[in-house]
């Protein structure tokens, strides 16, 4: 079990009402994981009904941004435009 998966499982256990995506996002914040590790974790740990398949690449790229976040309020993240809401 990888360090990322151990962190994910601990969050999942202590926060049973969180989605698997939320657990992964919180598990990687500020931990400097690589894109490949995040992509693999996303594939293996996040439930398929937690995201729309067509948004996977955008979601993973935003997770990569989260992993390098260091308690900064200036970080900019691109919202995922799924077409559900008009912008």
C-alpha atoms as a PDB file:
ATOM      1  CA  UNK A   1       0.000   0.000   0.000  1.00  0.00           C
ATOM      2  CA  UNK A   2       1.412   3.371  -1.023  1.00  0.00           C
ATOM      3  CA  UNK A   3       1.689   6.404   1.232  1.00  0.00           C
ATOM      4  CA  UNK A   4      -1.046   8.091  -0.788  1.00  0.00           C
ATOM      5  CA  UNK A   5      -3.381   5.115  -0.468  1.00  0.00           C
ATOM      6  CA  UNK A   6      -2.740   4.873   3.287  1.00  0.00           C
ATOM      7  CA  UNK A   7      -3.626   8.548   3.699  1.00  0.00           C
ATOM      8  CA  UNK A   8      -6.729   8.070   1.533  1.00  0.00           C
ATOM      9  CA  UNK A   9      -7.882   5.036   3.554  1.00  0.00           C
ATOM     10  CA  UNK A  10      -7.382   6.887   6.853  1.00  0.00           C
ATOM     11  CA  UNK A  11      -9.474   9.816   5.609  1.00  0.00           C
ATOM     12  CA  UNK A  12     -12.105   7.465   4.243  1.00  0.00           C
ATOM     13  CA  UNK A  13     -12.355   5.710   7.607  1.00  0.00           C
ATOM     14  CA  UNK A  14     -12.572   8.893   9.685  1.00  0.00           C
ATOM     15  CA  UNK A  15     -14.956  10.656   7.257  1.00  0.00           C
ATOM     16  CA  UNK A  16     -17.445   8.006   6.113  1.00  0.00           C
ATOM     17  CA  UNK A  17     -19.788  10.538   4.500  1.00  0.00           C
ATOM     18  CA  UNK A  18     -17.162  12.070   2.229  1.00  0.00           C
ATOM     19  CA  UNK A  19     -17.015  10.968  -1.392  1.00  0.00           C
ATOM     20  CA  UNK A  20     -13.995   9.008  -2.545  1.00  0.00           C
ATOM     21  CA  UNK A  21     -12.983  12.017  -4.672  1.00  0.00           C
ATOM     22  CA  UNK A  22     -13.017  14.329  -1.645  1.00  0.00           C
ATOM     23  CA  UNK A  23     -10.889  11.879   0.346  1.00  0.00           C
ATOM     24  CA  UNK A  24      -8.325  11.740  -2.463  1.00  0.00           C
ATOM     25  CA  UNK A  25      -8.258  15.525  -2.875  1.00  0.00           C
ATOM     26  CA  UNK A  26      -7.662  16.083   0.841  1.00  0.00           C
ATOM     27  CA  UNK A  27      -5.079  13.278   0.956  1.00  0.00           C
ATOM     28  CA  UNK A  28      -2.866  14.934  -1.669  1.00  0.00           C
ATOM     29  CA  UNK A  29      -2.987  18.591  -0.586  1.00  0.00           C
ATOM     30  CA  UNK A  30       0.560  19.846  -0.089  1.00  0.00           C
ATOM     31  CA  UNK A  31       2.169  16.410  -0.365  1.00  0.00           C
ATOM     32  CA  UNK A  32       4.039  16.865  -3.695  1.00  0.00           C
ATOM     33  CA  UNK A  33       2.858  13.674  -5.390  1.00  0.00           C
ATOM     34  CA  UNK A  34       3.637  13.284  -9.087  1.00  0.00           C
ATOM     35  CA  UNK A  35       1.089  13.331 -11.883  1.00  0.00           C
ATOM     36  CA  UNK A  36       1.503   9.621 -12.509  1.00  0.00           C
ATOM     37  CA  UNK A  37       0.919   8.703  -8.851  1.00  0.00           C
ATOM     38  CA  UNK A  38      -2.151  10.935  -8.705  1.00  0.00           C
ATOM     39  CA  UNK A  39      -3.548   9.533 -11.951  1.00  0.00           C
ATOM     40  CA  UNK A  40      -3.048   5.973 -10.757  1.00  0.00           C
ATOM     41  CA  UNK A  41      -4.619   6.735  -7.369  1.00  0.00           C
ATOM     42  CA  UNK A  42      -7.545   8.447  -9.083  1.00  0.00           C
ATOM     43  CA  UNK A  43      -8.078   5.406 -11.292  1.00  0.00           C
ATOM     44  CA  UNK A  44      -7.855   2.918  -8.418  1.00  0.00           C
ATOM     45  CA  UNK A  45      -9.457   4.784  -5.512  1.00  0.00           C
ATOM     46  CA  UNK A  46     -12.146   7.139  -6.811  1.00  0.00           C
ATOM     47  CA  UNK A  47     -15.540   5.576  -7.442  1.00  0.00           C
ATOM     48  CA  UNK A  48     -16.579   5.809 -11.080  1.00  0.00           C
ATOM     49  CA  UNK A  49     -19.891   7.501 -10.249  1.00  0.00           C
ATOM     50  CA  UNK A  50     -18.088  10.339  -8.419  1.00  0.00           C
ATOM     51  CA  UNK A  51     -17.170  12.002 -11.729  1.00  0.00           C
ATOM     52  CA  UNK A  52     -18.127  12.192 -15.366  1.00  0.00           C
ATOM     53  CA  UNK A  53     -15.685  10.200 -17.493  1.00  0.00           C
ATOM     54  CA  UNK A  54     -15.197  13.067 -19.967  1.00  0.00           C
ATOM     55  CA  UNK A  55     -13.950  15.309 -17.127  1.00  0.00           C
ATOM     56  CA  UNK A  56     -11.264  12.923 -15.893  1.00  0.00           C
ATOM     57  CA  UNK A  57      -8.264  14.728 -17.468  1.00  0.00           C
ATOM     58  CA  UNK A  58      -9.343  18.132 -16.147  1.00  0.00           C
ATOM     59  CA  UNK A  59      -9.991  16.698 -12.681  1.00  0.00           C
ATOM     60  CA  UNK A  60      -6.577  15.010 -12.534  1.00  0.00           C
ATOM     61  CA  UNK A  61      -4.827  18.191 -13.668  1.00  0.00           C
ATOM     62  CA  UNK A  62      -6.568  20.127 -10.884  1.00  0.00           C
ATOM     63  CA  UNK A  63      -5.546  17.431  -8.387  1.00  0.00           C
ATOM     64  CA  UNK A  64      -1.941  17.892  -9.543  1.00  0.00           C
ATOM     65  CA  UNK A  65      -2.275  21.590  -8.693  1.00  0.00           C
ATOM     66  CA  UNK A  66      -3.604  20.673  -5.245  1.00  0.00           C
ATOM     67  CA  UNK A  67      -0.633  18.491  -4.445  1.00  0.00           C
ATOM     68  CA  UNK A  68       1.734  21.449  -4.637  1.00  0.00           C
ATOM     69  CA  UNK A  69      -0.537  23.756  -2.633  1.00  0.00           C
ATOM     70  CA  UNK A  70       1.158  25.029   0.531  1.00  0.00           C
ATOM     71  CA  UNK A  71      -1.408  26.863   2.692  1.00  0.00           C
ATOM     72  CA  UNK A  72      -1.720  29.577   0.077  1.00  0.00           C
ATOM     73  CA  UNK A  73      -4.891  31.554  -0.475  1.00  0.00           C
ATOM     74  CA  UNK A  74      -3.547  32.982  -3.755  1.00  0.00           C
ATOM     75  CA  UNK A  75      -3.610  29.704  -5.679  1.00  0.00           C
ATOM     76  CA  UNK A  76      -5.799  29.722  -8.755  1.00  0.00           C
ATOM     77  CA  UNK A  77      -7.767  26.701  -9.864  1.00  0.00           C
ATOM     78  CA  UNK A  78      -9.778  26.421 -13.037  1.00  0.00           C
ATOM     79  CA  UNK A  79     -13.382  25.429 -12.388  1.00  0.00           C
ATOM     80  CA  UNK A  80     -14.656  22.391 -14.222  1.00  0.00           C
ATOM     81  CA  UNK A  81     -17.282  23.544 -16.691  1.00  0.00           C
ATOM     82  CA  UNK A  82     -19.597  20.611 -17.236  1.00  0.00           C
ATOM     83  CA  UNK A  83     -22.263  22.710 -18.926  1.00  0.00           C
ATOM     84  CA  UNK A  84     -24.706  22.174 -16.061  1.00  0.00           C
ATOM     85  CA  UNK A  85     -24.525  25.790 -14.906  1.00  0.00           C
ATOM     86  CA  UNK A  86     -24.376  28.814 -17.139  1.00  0.00           C
ATOM     87  CA  UNK A  87     -21.275  30.917 -16.594  1.00  0.00           C
END
